[in-house]
Amino acid sequence: MFKKTNRLTKVEFDEFYKTGLKKHFPHLTIITKPLQKTKTSVVVGKKVAKSAVRRNTLRRRVYATLKRVDTDNKSLGGIIIILKPSYNSLTRKAAEEFLKQSIAQVLKGA
């Protein structure tokens, strides 16, 4: 999990959601906006997993992957990851690889 200073506030989240660059993938959507420092948010809706325990598990796994990618790339900028229901059907390893590839593709294109 990121420190509180590295997570988006509600106001920042709303602004990023409206003005950020959206990139859609089969299992998730990534919204980015250039920033000097990393600010992240992960959204896991009830359509992805009915159980709050499962949603929080998925959220923590995505944050852990983001943390590893962040240390590799220095700074991700502002990033929101919205999981889609199909993400829940992926294995842990496949989900992590898919997330890393998606982030790399978005960062390369930005």
C-alpha atoms as a PDB file:
ATOM      1  CA  MET A   1       0.000   0.000   0.000  1.00  0.00           C
ATOM      2  CA  PHE A   2       1.199   3.486  -0.773  1.00  0.00           C
ATOM      3  CA  LYS A   3       1.562   6.198   1.862  1.00  0.00           C
ATOM      4  CA  LYS A   4      -1.347   8.584   2.237  1.00  0.00           C
ATOM      5  CA  THR A   5       0.634  11.310   0.437  1.00  0.00           C
ATOM      6  CA  ASN A   6       0.902   9.001  -2.602  1.00  0.00           C
ATOM      7  CA  ARG A   7      -2.821   8.267  -2.854  1.00  0.00           C
ATOM      8  CA  LEU A   8      -5.323  10.446  -4.656  1.00  0.00           C
ATOM      9  CA  THR A   9      -7.743  12.534  -2.615  1.00  0.00           C
ATOM     10  CA  LYS A  10     -11.416  12.586  -3.598  1.00  0.00           C
ATOM     11  CA  VAL A  11     -11.024  15.976  -5.313  1.00  0.00           C
ATOM     12  CA  GLU A  12      -7.933  14.829  -7.219  1.00  0.00           C
ATOM     13  CA  PHE A  13      -9.667  11.571  -8.158  1.00  0.00           C
ATOM     14  CA  ASP A  14     -12.650  13.430  -9.630  1.00  0.00           C
ATOM     15  CA  GLU A  15     -10.362  15.769 -11.587  1.00  0.00           C
ATOM     16  CA  PHE A  16      -8.213  12.909 -12.918  1.00  0.00           C
ATOM     17  CA  TYR A  17     -11.282  10.899 -13.882  1.00  0.00           C
ATOM     18  CA  LYS A  18     -12.655  13.798 -15.942  1.00  0.00           C
ATOM     19  CA  THR A  19      -9.453  15.079 -17.546  1.00  0.00           C
ATOM     20  CA  GLY A  20      -7.047  12.118 -17.531  1.00  0.00           C
ATOM     21  CA  LEU A  21      -6.029  10.030 -20.521  1.00  0.00           C
ATOM     22  CA  LYS A  22      -8.069   6.789 -20.520  1.00  0.00           C
ATOM     23  CA  LYS A  23      -6.695   3.561 -21.919  1.00  0.00           C
ATOM     24  CA  HIS A  24      -8.973   0.512 -22.021  1.00  0.00           C
ATOM     25  CA  PHE A  25      -7.772  -3.079 -21.779  1.00  0.00           C
ATOM     26  CA  PRO A  26      -9.761  -6.356 -21.647  1.00  0.00           C
ATOM     27  CA  HIS A  27      -9.488  -6.704 -17.851  1.00  0.00           C
ATOM     28  CA  LEU A  28      -8.964  -3.125 -16.655  1.00  0.00           C
ATOM     29  CA  THR A  29      -8.970   0.559 -17.514  1.00  0.00           C
ATOM     30  CA  ILE A  30      -6.050   2.860 -16.717  1.00  0.00           C
ATOM     31  CA  ILE A  31      -6.435   6.626 -16.394  1.00  0.00           C
ATOM     32  CA  THR A  32      -3.209   8.616 -16.315  1.00  0.00           C
ATOM     33  CA  LYS A  33      -2.145  12.196 -15.941  1.00  0.00           C
ATOM     34  CA  PRO A  34       1.454  13.449 -15.833  1.00  0.00           C
ATOM     35  CA  LEU A  35       2.652  14.459 -12.367  1.00  0.00           C
ATOM     36  CA  GLN A  36       6.026  14.960 -10.730  1.00  0.00           C
ATOM     37  CA  LYS A  37       5.296  12.440  -7.995  1.00  0.00           C
ATOM     38  CA  THR A  38       3.359   9.194  -7.945  1.00  0.00           C
ATOM     39  CA  LYS A  39      -0.320   9.450  -6.953  1.00  0.00           C
ATOM     40  CA  THR A  40      -2.423   6.302  -7.274  1.00  0.00           C
ATOM     41  CA  SER A  41      -5.911   4.948  -6.799  1.00  0.00           C
ATOM     42  CA  VAL A  42      -7.421   1.502  -7.447  1.00  0.00           C
ATOM     43  CA  VAL A  43     -11.147   0.958  -8.007  1.00  0.00           C
ATOM     44  CA  VAL A  44     -12.703  -2.478  -7.545  1.00  0.00           C
ATOM     45  CA  GLY A  45     -16.471  -2.408  -7.893  1.00  0.00           C
ATOM     46  CA  LYS A  46     -19.096  -4.876  -6.705  1.00  0.00           C
ATOM     47  CA  LYS A  47     -19.462  -6.172 -10.259  1.00  0.00           C
ATOM     48  CA  VAL A  48     -15.874  -7.425 -10.040  1.00  0.00           C
ATOM     49  CA  ALA A  49     -16.318  -9.245  -6.719  1.00  0.00           C
ATOM     50  CA  LYS A  50     -19.420  -9.350  -4.529  1.00  0.00           C
ATOM     51  CA  SER A  51     -17.468  -9.979  -1.327  1.00  0.00           C
ATOM     52  CA  ALA A  52     -15.727  -7.025   0.322  1.00  0.00           C
ATOM     53  CA  VAL A  53     -12.949  -9.381   1.397  1.00  0.00           C
ATOM     54  CA  ARG A  54     -12.290 -10.372  -2.232  1.00  0.00           C
ATOM     55  CA  ARG A  55     -12.449  -6.737  -3.442  1.00  0.00           C
ATOM     56  CA  ASN A  56      -9.923  -5.655  -0.811  1.00  0.00           C
ATOM     57  CA  THR A  57      -7.659  -8.595  -1.658  1.00  0.00           C
ATOM     58  CA  LEU A  58      -7.665  -7.609  -5.342  1.00  0.00           C
ATOM     59  CA  ARG A  59      -7.048  -3.966  -4.408  1.00  0.00           C
ATOM     60  CA  ARG A  60      -4.066  -4.868  -2.211  1.00  0.00           C
ATOM     61  CA  ARG A  61      -2.573  -7.075  -4.937  1.00  0.00           C
ATOM     62  CA  VAL A  62      -2.859  -4.280  -7.497  1.00  0.00           C
ATOM     63  CA  TYR A  63      -1.291  -1.779  -5.070  1.00  0.00           C
ATOM     64  CA  ALA A  64       1.587  -4.218  -4.420  1.00  0.00           C
ATOM     65  CA  THR A  65       2.222  -4.564  -8.158  1.00  0.00           C
ATOM     66  CA  LEU A  66       2.051  -0.781  -8.588  1.00  0.00           C
ATOM     67  CA  LYS A  67       4.569  -0.358  -5.789  1.00  0.00           C
ATOM     68  CA  ARG A  68       7.015  -2.717  -7.539  1.00  0.00           C
ATOM     69  CA  VAL A  69       6.519  -0.976 -10.896  1.00  0.00           C
ATOM     70  CA  ASP A  70       6.891   2.450  -9.232  1.00  0.00           C
ATOM     71  CA  THR A  71      10.284   1.570  -7.765  1.00  0.00           C
ATOM     72  CA  ASP A  72      11.434   0.301 -11.179  1.00  0.00           C
ATOM     73  CA  ASN A  73      10.283   3.394 -13.124  1.00  0.00           C
ATOM     74  CA  LYS A  74      10.972   6.057 -10.466  1.00  0.00           C
ATOM     75  CA  SER A  75       7.569   7.761 -10.865  1.00  0.00           C
ATOM     76  CA  LEU A  76       4.279   6.698 -12.407  1.00  0.00           C
ATOM     77  CA  GLY A  77       2.664  10.140 -12.197  1.00  0.00           C
ATOM     78  CA  GLY A  78      -1.060  10.189 -11.519  1.00  0.00           C
ATOM     79  CA  ILE A  79      -2.679   6.826 -12.194  1.00  0.00           C
ATOM     80  CA  ILE A  80      -6.125   5.335 -11.562  1.00  0.00           C
ATOM     81  CA  ILE A  81      -6.715   1.640 -12.212  1.00  0.00           C
ATOM     82  CA  ILE A  82     -10.300   0.460 -12.585  1.00  0.00           C
ATOM     83  CA  LEU A  83     -10.719  -3.311 -12.587  1.00  0.00           C
ATOM     84  CA  LYS A  84     -13.301  -4.996 -14.798  1.00  0.00           C
ATOM     85  CA  PRO A  85     -15.253  -8.171 -13.853  1.00  0.00           C
ATOM     86  CA  SER A  86     -13.066 -10.356 -16.086  1.00  0.00           C
ATOM     87  CA  TYR A  87     -10.018  -9.466 -13.929  1.00  0.00           C
ATOM     88  CA  ASN A  88     -11.428 -11.619 -11.127  1.00  0.00           C
ATOM     89  CA  SER A  89     -11.169 -14.756 -13.274  1.00  0.00           C
ATOM     90  CA  LEU A  90      -7.399 -14.375 -13.836  1.00  0.00           C
ATOM     91  CA  THR A  91      -4.902 -16.318 -11.760  1.00  0.00           C
ATOM     92  CA  ARG A  92      -2.708 -14.294  -9.432  1.00  0.00           C
ATOM     93  CA  LYS A  93       0.360 -14.666 -11.667  1.00  0.00           C
ATOM     94  CA  ALA A  94      -1.534 -13.899 -14.884  1.00  0.00           C
ATOM     95  CA  ALA A  95      -3.208 -10.869 -13.295  1.00  0.00           C
ATOM     96  CA  GLU A  96       0.122  -9.455 -12.134  1.00  0.00           C
ATOM     97  CA  GLU A  97       1.731  -9.964 -15.555  1.00  0.00           C
ATOM     98  CA  PHE A  98      -1.246  -8.435 -17.340  1.00  0.00           C
ATOM     99  CA  LEU A  99      -1.162  -5.412 -15.029  1.00  0.00           C
ATOM    100  CA  LYS A 100       2.587  -4.904 -15.529  1.00  0.00           C
ATOM    101  CA  GLN A 101       2.240  -5.128 -19.321  1.00  0.00           C
ATOM    102  CA  SER A 102      -0.701  -2.730 -19.338  1.00  0.00           C
ATOM    103  CA  ILE A 103       1.139  -0.157 -17.219  1.00  0.00           C
ATOM    104  CA  ALA A 104       4.257  -0.465 -19.379  1.00  0.00           C
ATOM    105  CA  GLN A 105       2.166   0.061 -22.514  1.00  0.00           C
ATOM    106  CA  VAL A 106       0.477   3.140 -21.035  1.00  0.00           C
ATOM    107  CA  LEU A 107       3.752   4.647 -19.817  1.00  0.00           C
ATOM    108  CA  LYS A 108       5.422   3.987 -23.168  1.00  0.00           C
ATOM    109  CA  GLY A 109       2.576   5.712 -24.999  1.00  0.00           C
ATOM    110  CA  ALA A 110       2.521   8.731 -22.683  1.00  0.00           C
END
